[in-house]
Amino acid sequence: TELVLGGDLADHDKSFYSSVRFAASNNVNGAQAIFD
């Protein structure tokens, strides 16, 4: 169960990170600090 949940969380983290990276590249307020 721990392995399955870890993989699911990693997928969600990767999606969030990608969204923040996109927002930072488009100069969305506050996104660059989160991305860093």
PDB file of all heavy atoms in Angstrom:
ATOM      1  N   THR A   1       0.830  -1.199   0.000  1.00  0.00           N
ATOM      2  CA  THR A   1       0.000   0.000   0.000  1.00  0.00           C
ATOM      3  C   THR A   1       0.864   1.248   0.000  1.00  0.00           C
ATOM      4  O   THR A   1       0.589   2.213  -0.719  1.00  0.00           O
ATOM      5  CB  THR A   1      -0.942   0.004   1.220  1.00  0.00           C
ATOM      6  OG1 THR A   1      -1.761  -1.159   1.168  1.00  0.00           O
ATOM      7  CG2 THR A   1      -1.807   1.238   1.247  1.00  0.00           C
ATOM      8  N   GLU A   2       1.935   1.235   0.776  1.00  0.00           N
ATOM      9  CA  GLU A   2       2.844   2.374   0.838  1.00  0.00           C
ATOM     10  C   GLU A   2       3.481   2.626  -0.531  1.00  0.00           C
ATOM     11  O   GLU A   2       3.604   3.783  -0.962  1.00  0.00           O
ATOM     12  CB  GLU A   2       3.923   2.112   1.883  1.00  0.00           C
ATOM     13  CG  GLU A   2       4.871   3.260   2.094  1.00  0.00           C
ATOM     14  CD  GLU A   2       5.913   2.958   3.166  1.00  0.00           C
ATOM     15  OE1 GLU A   2       6.047   1.801   3.596  1.00  0.00           O
ATOM     16  OE2 GLU A   2       6.600   3.907   3.559  1.00  0.00           O
ATOM     17  N   LEU A   3       3.861   1.592  -1.239  1.00  0.00           N
ATOM     18  CA  LEU A   3       4.453   1.756  -2.564  1.00  0.00           C
ATOM     19  C   LEU A   3       3.459   2.354  -3.555  1.00  0.00           C
ATOM     20  O   LEU A   3       3.792   3.254  -4.331  1.00  0.00           O
ATOM     21  CB  LEU A   3       4.964   0.407  -3.085  1.00  0.00           C
ATOM     22  CG  LEU A   3       6.195  -0.147  -2.403  1.00  0.00           C
ATOM     23  CD1 LEU A   3       6.495  -1.563  -2.883  1.00  0.00           C
ATOM     24  CD2 LEU A   3       7.390   0.755  -2.643  1.00  0.00           C
ATOM     25  N   VAL A   4       2.240   1.871  -3.529  1.00  0.00           N
ATOM     26  CA  VAL A   4       1.211   2.379  -4.444  1.00  0.00           C
ATOM     27  C   VAL A   4       0.913   3.841  -4.147  1.00  0.00           C
ATOM     28  O   VAL A   4       0.853   4.678  -5.051  1.00  0.00           O
ATOM     29  CB  VAL A   4      -0.071   1.524  -4.365  1.00  0.00           C
ATOM     30  CG1 VAL A   4      -1.212   2.188  -5.111  1.00  0.00           C
ATOM     31  CG2 VAL A   4       0.185   0.135  -4.916  1.00  0.00           C
ATOM     32  N   LEU A   5       0.736   4.173  -2.879  1.00  0.00           N
ATOM     33  CA  LEU A   5       0.445   5.556  -2.509  1.00  0.00           C
ATOM     34  C   LEU A   5       1.614   6.482  -2.848  1.00  0.00           C
ATOM     35  O   LEU A   5       1.401   7.614  -3.290  1.00  0.00           O
ATOM     36  CB  LEU A   5       0.122   5.660  -1.019  1.00  0.00           C
ATOM     37  CG  LEU A   5      -1.214   5.083  -0.587  1.00  0.00           C
ATOM     38  CD1 LEU A   5      -1.353   5.153   0.926  1.00  0.00           C
ATOM     39  CD2 LEU A   5      -2.362   5.803  -1.260  1.00  0.00           C
ATOM     40  N   GLY A   6       2.818   6.009  -2.640  1.00  0.00           N
ATOM     41  CA  GLY A   6       3.988   6.818  -2.974  1.00  0.00           C
ATOM     42  C   GLY A   6       4.041   7.141  -4.455  1.00  0.00           C
ATOM     43  O   GLY A   6       4.345   8.271  -4.848  1.00  0.00           O
ATOM     44  N   GLY A   7       3.724   6.173  -5.298  1.00  0.00           N
ATOM     45  CA  GLY A   7       3.698   6.410  -6.738  1.00  0.00           C
ATOM     46  C   GLY A   7       2.613   7.388  -7.126  1.00  0.00           C
ATOM     47  O   GLY A   7       2.825   8.280  -7.957  1.00  0.00           O
ATOM     48  N   ASP A   8       1.429   7.258  -6.521  1.00  0.00           N
ATOM     49  CA  ASP A   8       0.328   8.179  -6.808  1.00  0.00           C
ATOM     50  C   ASP A   8       0.688   9.600  -6.392  1.00  0.00           C
ATOM     51  O   ASP A   8       0.423  10.560  -7.120  1.00  0.00           O
ATOM     52  CB  ASP A   8      -0.951   7.748  -6.093  1.00  0.00           C
ATOM     53  CG  ASP A   8      -1.585   6.508  -6.702  1.00  0.00           C
ATOM     54  OD1 ASP A   8      -1.179   6.113  -7.814  1.00  0.00           O
ATOM     55  OD2 ASP A   8      -2.487   5.942  -6.056  1.00  0.00           O
ATOM     56  N   LEU A   9       1.282   9.743  -5.223  1.00  0.00           N
ATOM     57  CA  LEU A   9       1.675  11.074  -4.753  1.00  0.00           C
ATOM     58  C   LEU A   9       2.745  11.677  -5.653  1.00  0.00           C
ATOM     59  O   LEU A   9       2.719  12.881  -5.940  1.00  0.00           O
ATOM     60  CB  LEU A   9       2.162  11.011  -3.310  1.00  0.00           C
ATOM     61  CG  LEU A   9       1.091  10.731  -2.264  1.00  0.00           C
ATOM     62  CD1 LEU A   9       1.725  10.543  -0.889  1.00  0.00           C
ATOM     63  CD2 LEU A   9       0.064  11.841  -2.231  1.00  0.00           C
ATOM     64  N   ALA A  10       3.672  10.865  -6.106  1.00  0.00           N
ATOM     65  CA  ALA A  10       4.720  11.362  -6.989  1.00  0.00           C
ATOM     66  C   ALA A  10       4.128  11.864  -8.301  1.00  0.00           C
ATOM     67  O   ALA A  10       4.567  12.897  -8.835  1.00  0.00           O
ATOM     68  CB  ALA A  10       5.758  10.274  -7.251  1.00  0.00           C
ATOM     69  N   ASP A  11       3.118  11.174  -8.819  1.00  0.00           N
ATOM     70  CA  ASP A  11       2.462  11.619 -10.053  1.00  0.00           C
ATOM     71  C   ASP A  11       1.798  12.972  -9.859  1.00  0.00           C
ATOM     72  O   ASP A  11       1.909  13.861 -10.702  1.00  0.00           O
ATOM     73  CB  ASP A  11       1.422  10.596 -10.513  1.00  0.00           C
ATOM     74  CG  ASP A  11       2.040   9.314 -11.031  1.00  0.00           C
ATOM     75  OD1 ASP A  11       3.253   9.304 -11.336  1.00  0.00           O
ATOM     76  OD2 ASP A  11       1.304   8.305 -11.119  1.00  0.00           O
ATOM     77  N   HIS A  12       1.119  13.150  -8.732  1.00  0.00           N
ATOM     78  CA  HIS A  12       0.459  14.429  -8.453  1.00  0.00           C
ATOM     79  C   HIS A  12       1.478  15.539  -8.232  1.00  0.00           C
ATOM     80  O   HIS A  12       1.287  16.669  -8.706  1.00  0.00           O
ATOM     81  CB  HIS A  12      -0.480  14.306  -7.247  1.00  0.00           C
ATOM     82  CG  HIS A  12      -1.664  13.442  -7.509  1.00  0.00           C
ATOM     83  ND1 HIS A  12      -2.698  13.836  -8.321  1.00  0.00           N
ATOM     84  CD2 HIS A  12      -1.973  12.200  -7.097  1.00  0.00           C
ATOM     85  CE1 HIS A  12      -3.606  12.873  -8.385  1.00  0.00           C
ATOM     86  NE2 HIS A  12      -3.184  11.865  -7.652  1.00  0.00           N
ATOM     87  N   ASP A  13       2.565  15.226  -7.528  1.00  0.00           N
ATOM     88  CA  ASP A  13       3.612  16.215  -7.295  1.00  0.00           C
ATOM     89  C   ASP A  13       4.214  16.679  -8.621  1.00  0.00           C
ATOM     90  O   ASP A  13       4.468  17.863  -8.825  1.00  0.00           O
ATOM     91  CB  ASP A  13       4.725  15.647  -6.406  1.00  0.00           C
ATOM     92  CG  ASP A  13       4.298  15.482  -4.960  1.00  0.00           C
ATOM     93  OD1 ASP A  13       3.215  15.971  -4.589  1.00  0.00           O
ATOM     94  OD2 ASP A  13       5.065  14.855  -4.200  1.00  0.00           O
ATOM     95  N   LYS A  14       4.438  15.733  -9.521  1.00  0.00           N
ATOM     96  CA  LYS A  14       5.023  16.055 -10.821  1.00  0.00           C
ATOM     97  C   LYS A  14       4.094  16.963 -11.622  1.00  0.00           C
ATOM     98  O   LYS A  14       4.540  17.926 -12.253  1.00  0.00           O
ATOM     99  CB  LYS A  14       5.313  14.769 -11.588  1.00  0.00           C
ATOM    100  CG  LYS A  14       6.074  14.970 -12.859  1.00  0.00           C
ATOM    101  CD  LYS A  14       6.410  13.630 -13.496  1.00  0.00           C
ATOM    102  CE  LYS A  14       7.142  13.813 -14.798  1.00  0.00           C
ATOM    103  NZ  LYS A  14       7.444  12.544 -15.444  1.00  0.00           N
ATOM    104  N   SER A  15       2.805  16.693 -11.577  1.00  0.00           N
ATOM    105  CA  SER A  15       1.830  17.530 -12.286  1.00  0.00           C
ATOM    106  C   SER A  15       1.812  18.940 -11.710  1.00  0.00           C
ATOM    107  O   SER A  15       1.787  19.929 -12.453  1.00  0.00           O
ATOM    108  CB  SER A  15       0.428  16.924 -12.195  1.00  0.00           C
ATOM    109  OG  SER A  15       0.369  15.703 -12.851  1.00  0.00           O
ATOM    110  N   PHE A  16       1.809  19.054 -10.385  1.00  0.00           N
ATOM    111  CA  PHE A  16       1.799  20.365  -9.733  1.00  0.00           C
ATOM    112  C   PHE A  16       3.068  21.131 -10.077  1.00  0.00           C
ATOM    113  O   PHE A  16       3.027  22.323 -10.416  1.00  0.00           O
ATOM    114  CB  PHE A  16       1.650  20.212  -8.216  1.00  0.00           C
ATOM    115  CG  PHE A  16       1.654  21.519  -7.492  1.00  0.00           C
ATOM    116  CD1 PHE A  16       0.570  22.377  -7.564  1.00  0.00           C
ATOM    117  CD2 PHE A  16       2.750  21.903  -6.739  1.00  0.00           C
ATOM    118  CE1 PHE A  16       0.577  23.594  -6.899  1.00  0.00           C
ATOM    119  CE2 PHE A  16       2.762  23.119  -6.068  1.00  0.00           C
ATOM    120  CZ  PHE A  16       1.672  23.961  -6.156  1.00  0.00           C
ATOM    121  N   TYR A  17       4.206  20.464 -10.005  1.00  0.00           N
ATOM    122  CA  TYR A  17       5.486  21.096 -10.317  1.00  0.00           C
ATOM    123  C   TYR A  17       5.493  21.609 -11.753  1.00  0.00           C
ATOM    124  O   TYR A  17       5.938  22.727 -12.029  1.00  0.00           O
ATOM    125  CB  TYR A  17       6.618  20.096 -10.090  1.00  0.00           C
ATOM    126  CG  TYR A  17       8.005  20.644 -10.314  1.00  0.00           C
ATOM    127  CD1 TYR A  17       8.549  21.561  -9.426  1.00  0.00           C
ATOM    128  CD2 TYR A  17       8.772  20.234 -11.385  1.00  0.00           C
ATOM    129  CE1 TYR A  17       9.837  22.060  -9.611  1.00  0.00           C
ATOM    130  CE2 TYR A  17      10.053  20.730 -11.581  1.00  0.00           C
ATOM    131  CZ  TYR A  17      10.573  21.645 -10.692  1.00  0.00           C
ATOM    132  OH  TYR A  17      11.832  22.134 -10.884  1.00  0.00           O
ATOM    133  N   SER A  18       4.970  20.818 -12.671  1.00  0.00           N
ATOM    134  CA  SER A  18       4.897  21.227 -14.067  1.00  0.00           C
ATOM    135  C   SER A  18       4.012  22.457 -14.237  1.00  0.00           C
ATOM    136  O   SER A  18       4.347  23.382 -14.992  1.00  0.00           O
ATOM    137  CB  SER A  18       4.368  20.065 -14.912  1.00  0.00           C
ATOM    138  OG  SER A  18       4.252  20.435 -16.250  1.00  0.00           O
ATOM    139  N   SER A  19       2.887  22.483 -13.535  1.00  0.00           N
ATOM    140  CA  SER A  19       1.981  23.637 -13.612  1.00  0.00           C
ATOM    141  C   SER A  19       2.636  24.893 -13.060  1.00  0.00           C
ATOM    142  O   SER A  19       2.515  25.979 -13.645  1.00  0.00           O
ATOM    143  CB  SER A  19       0.693  23.354 -12.837  1.00  0.00           C
ATOM    144  OG  SER A  19      -0.003  22.279 -13.398  1.00  0.00           O
ATOM    145  N   VAL A  20       3.344  24.751 -11.948  1.00  0.00           N
ATOM    146  CA  VAL A  20       4.026  25.905 -11.352  1.00  0.00           C
ATOM    147  C   VAL A  20       5.148  26.381 -12.266  1.00  0.00           C
ATOM    148  O   VAL A  20       5.342  27.592 -12.446  1.00  0.00           O
ATOM    149  CB  VAL A  20       4.553  25.567  -9.939  1.00  0.00           C
ATOM    150  CG1 VAL A  20       5.477  26.652  -9.415  1.00  0.00           C
ATOM    151  CG2 VAL A  20       3.398  25.336  -8.985  1.00  0.00           C
ATOM    152  N   ARG A  21       5.868  25.464 -12.863  1.00  0.00           N
ATOM    153  CA  ARG A  21       6.942  25.841 -13.799  1.00  0.00           C
ATOM    154  C   ARG A  21       6.364  26.619 -14.980  1.00  0.00           C
ATOM    155  O   ARG A  21       6.907  27.646 -15.397  1.00  0.00           O
ATOM    156  CB  ARG A  21       7.684  24.600 -14.289  1.00  0.00           C
ATOM    157  CG  ARG A  21       8.818  24.930 -15.247  1.00  0.00           C
ATOM    158  CD  ARG A  21       9.607  23.715 -15.678  1.00  0.00           C
ATOM    159  NE  ARG A  21       8.717  22.683 -16.140  1.00  0.00           N
ATOM    160  CZ  ARG A  21       8.962  21.388 -16.024  1.00  0.00           C
ATOM    161  NH1 ARG A  21      10.069  20.970 -15.462  1.00  0.00           N
ATOM    162  NH2 ARG A  21       8.109  20.502 -16.475  1.00  0.00           N
ATOM    163  N   PHE A  22       5.225  26.166 -15.500  1.00  0.00           N
ATOM    164  CA  PHE A  22       4.570  26.867 -16.607  1.00  0.00           C
ATOM    165  C   PHE A  22       4.121  28.262 -16.172  1.00  0.00           C
ATOM    166  O   PHE A  22       4.319  29.237 -16.897  1.00  0.00           O
ATOM    167  CB  PHE A  22       3.367  26.050 -17.102  1.00  0.00           C
ATOM    168  CG  PHE A  22       2.624  26.704 -18.219  1.00  0.00           C
ATOM    169  CD1 PHE A  22       3.138  26.697 -19.506  1.00  0.00           C
ATOM    170  CD2 PHE A  22       1.409  27.334 -17.993  1.00  0.00           C
ATOM    171  CE1 PHE A  22       2.452  27.304 -20.551  1.00  0.00           C
ATOM    172  CE2 PHE A  22       0.718  27.953 -19.020  1.00  0.00           C
ATOM    173  CZ  PHE A  22       1.244  27.943 -20.306  1.00  0.00           C
ATOM    174  N   ALA A  23       3.537  28.351 -14.986  1.00  0.00           N
ATOM    175  CA  ALA A  23       3.080  29.649 -14.479  1.00  0.00           C
ATOM    176  C   ALA A  23       4.262  30.599 -14.285  1.00  0.00           C
ATOM    177  O   ALA A  23       4.184  31.781 -14.619  1.00  0.00           O
ATOM    178  CB  ALA A  23       2.311  29.467 -13.173  1.00  0.00           C
ATOM    179  N   ALA A  24       5.359  30.093 -13.764  1.00  0.00           N
ATOM    180  CA  ALA A  24       6.542  30.935 -13.554  1.00  0.00           C
ATOM    181  C   ALA A  24       7.106  31.418 -14.878  1.00  0.00           C
ATOM    182  O   ALA A  24       7.535  32.575 -14.995  1.00  0.00           O
ATOM    183  CB  ALA A  24       7.599  30.160 -12.772  1.00  0.00           C
ATOM    184  N   SER A  25       7.096  30.558 -15.890  1.00  0.00           N
ATOM    185  CA  SER A  25       7.616  30.970 -17.198  1.00  0.00           C
ATOM    186  C   SER A  25       6.718  32.013 -17.862  1.00  0.00           C
ATOM    187  O   SER A  25       7.153  32.718 -18.761  1.00  0.00           O
ATOM    188  CB  SER A  25       7.792  29.759 -18.117  1.00  0.00           C
ATOM    189  OG  SER A  25       6.534  29.228 -18.494  1.00  0.00           O
ATOM    190  N   ASN A  26       5.462  32.109 -17.401  1.00  0.00           N
ATOM    191  CA  ASN A  26       4.524  33.106 -17.927  1.00  0.00           C
ATOM    192  C   ASN A  26       4.343  34.286 -16.973  1.00  0.00           C
ATOM    193  O   ASN A  26       3.373  35.041 -17.097  1.00  0.00           O
ATOM    194  CB  ASN A  26       3.178  32.451 -18.230  1.00  0.00           C
ATOM    195  CG  ASN A  26       3.252  31.602 -19.470  1.00  0.00           C
ATOM    196  OD1 ASN A  26       3.491  32.117 -20.556  1.00  0.00           O
ATOM    197  ND2 ASN A  26       3.068  30.306 -19.318  1.00  0.00           N
ATOM    198  N   ASN A  27       5.277  34.425 -16.034  1.00  0.00           N
ATOM    199  CA  ASN A  27       5.318  35.565 -15.103  1.00  0.00           C
ATOM    200  C   ASN A  27       4.042  35.740 -14.277  1.00  0.00           C
ATOM    201  O   ASN A  27       3.605  36.867 -14.027  1.00  0.00           O
ATOM    202  CB  ASN A  27       5.642  36.861 -15.851  1.00  0.00           C
ATOM    203  CG  ASN A  27       6.995  36.804 -16.516  1.00  0.00           C
ATOM    204  OD1 ASN A  27       7.949  36.295 -15.936  1.00  0.00           O
ATOM    205  ND2 ASN A  27       7.085  37.285 -17.735  1.00  0.00           N
ATOM    206  N   VAL A  28       3.447  34.648 -13.835  1.00  0.00           N
ATOM    207  CA  VAL A  28       2.293  34.710 -12.944  1.00  0.00           C
ATOM    208  C   VAL A  28       2.792  35.114 -11.556  1.00  0.00           C
ATOM    209  O   VAL A  28       3.800  34.574 -11.074  1.00  0.00           O
ATOM    210  CB  VAL A  28       1.554  33.350 -12.888  1.00  0.00           C
ATOM    211  CG1 VAL A  28       0.456  33.366 -11.849  1.00  0.00           C
ATOM    212  CG2 VAL A  28       1.001  33.005 -14.256  1.00  0.00           C
ATOM    213  N   ASN A  29       2.123  36.082 -10.933  1.00  0.00           N
ATOM    214  CA  ASN A  29       2.548  36.584  -9.619  1.00  0.00           C
ATOM    215  C   ASN A  29       2.685  35.451  -8.603  1.00  0.00           C
ATOM    216  O   ASN A  29       1.770  34.659  -8.427  1.00  0.00           O
ATOM    217  CB  ASN A  29       1.550  37.612  -9.080  1.00  0.00           C
ATOM    218  CG  ASN A  29       1.649  38.938  -9.785  1.00  0.00           C
ATOM    219  OD1 ASN A  29       2.669  39.246 -10.394  1.00  0.00           O
ATOM    220  ND2 ASN A  29       0.600  39.727  -9.700  1.00  0.00           N
ATOM    221  N   GLY A  30       3.828  35.402  -7.946  1.00  0.00           N
ATOM    222  CA  GLY A  30       4.077  34.435  -6.883  1.00  0.00           C
ATOM    223  C   GLY A  30       4.541  33.071  -7.359  1.00  0.00           C
ATOM    224  O   GLY A  30       5.035  32.276  -6.572  1.00  0.00           O
ATOM    225  N   ALA A  31       4.392  32.790  -8.637  1.00  0.00           N
ATOM    226  CA  ALA A  31       4.744  31.452  -9.144  1.00  0.00           C
ATOM    227  C   ALA A  31       6.247  31.211  -9.112  1.00  0.00           C
ATOM    228  O   ALA A  31       6.691  30.097  -8.845  1.00  0.00           O
ATOM    229  CB  ALA A  31       4.204  31.252 -10.551  1.00  0.00           C
ATOM    230  N   GLN A  32       7.038  32.254  -9.368  1.00  0.00           N
ATOM    231  CA  GLN A  32       8.486  32.075  -9.395  1.00  0.00           C
ATOM    232  C   GLN A  32       9.019  31.674  -8.023  1.00  0.00           C
ATOM    233  O   GLN A  32       9.887  30.802  -7.917  1.00  0.00           O
ATOM    234  CB  GLN A  32       9.188  33.348  -9.882  1.00  0.00           C
ATOM    235  CG  GLN A  32      10.678  33.167 -10.107  1.00  0.00           C
ATOM    236  CD  GLN A  32      10.986  32.173 -11.210  1.00  0.00           C
ATOM    237  OE1 GLN A  32      10.405  32.231 -12.282  1.00  0.00           O
ATOM    238  NE2 GLN A  32      11.887  31.247 -10.934  1.00  0.00           N
ATOM    239  N   ALA A  33       8.496  32.253  -6.959  1.00  0.00           N
ATOM    240  CA  ALA A  33       8.937  31.897  -5.603  1.00  0.00           C
ATOM    241  C   ALA A  33       8.600  30.446  -5.288  1.00  0.00           C
ATOM    242  O   ALA A  33       9.416  29.718  -4.708  1.00  0.00           O
ATOM    243  CB  ALA A  33       8.290  32.826  -4.584  1.00  0.00           C
ATOM    244  N   ILE A  34       7.412  30.018  -5.677  1.00  0.00           N
ATOM    245  CA  ILE A  34       7.014  28.623  -5.448  1.00  0.00           C
ATOM    246  C   ILE A  34       7.896  27.698  -6.271  1.00  0.00           C
ATOM    247  O   ILE A  34       8.375  26.673  -5.788  1.00  0.00           O
ATOM    248  CB  ILE A  34       5.527  28.422  -5.791  1.00  0.00           C
ATOM    249  CG1 ILE A  34       4.654  29.256  -4.859  1.00  0.00           C
ATOM    250  CG2 ILE A  34       5.141  26.948  -5.716  1.00  0.00           C
ATOM    251  CD1 ILE A  34       3.196  29.324  -5.288  1.00  0.00           C
ATOM    252  N   PHE A  35       8.133  28.076  -7.525  1.00  0.00           N
ATOM    253  CA  PHE A  35       8.978  27.256  -8.401  1.00  0.00           C
ATOM    254  C   PHE A  35      10.385  27.118  -7.831  1.00  0.00           C
ATOM    255  O   PHE A  35      10.956  26.018  -7.813  1.00  0.00           O
ATOM    256  CB  PHE A  35       9.023  27.866  -9.803  1.00  0.00           C
ATOM    257  CG  PHE A  35       9.935  27.135 -10.736  1.00  0.00           C
ATOM    258  CD1 PHE A  35       9.612  25.877 -11.207  1.00  0.00           C
ATOM    259  CD2 PHE A  35      11.123  27.706 -11.154  1.00  0.00           C
ATOM    260  CE1 PHE A  35      10.453  25.192 -12.072  1.00  0.00           C
ATOM    261  CE2 PHE A  35      11.970  27.036 -12.020  1.00  0.00           C
ATOM    262  CZ  PHE A  35      11.636  25.777 -12.484  1.00  0.00           C
ATOM    263  N   ASP A  36      10.960  28.230  -7.346  1.00  0.00           N
ATOM    264  CA  ASP A  36      12.310  28.180  -6.772  1.00  0.00           C
ATOM    265  C   ASP A  36      12.362  27.266  -5.550  1.00  0.00           C
ATOM    266  O   ASP A  36      13.325  26.511  -5.371  1.00  0.00           O
ATOM    267  CB  ASP A  36      12.787  29.584  -6.399  1.00  0.00           C
ATOM    268  CG  ASP A  36      13.031  30.454  -7.632  1.00  0.00           C
ATOM    269  OD1 ASP A  36      13.196  29.900  -8.733  1.00  0.00           O
ATOM    270  OD2 ASP A  36      13.035  31.693  -7.468  1.00  0.00           O
TER     271      ASP A  36
END
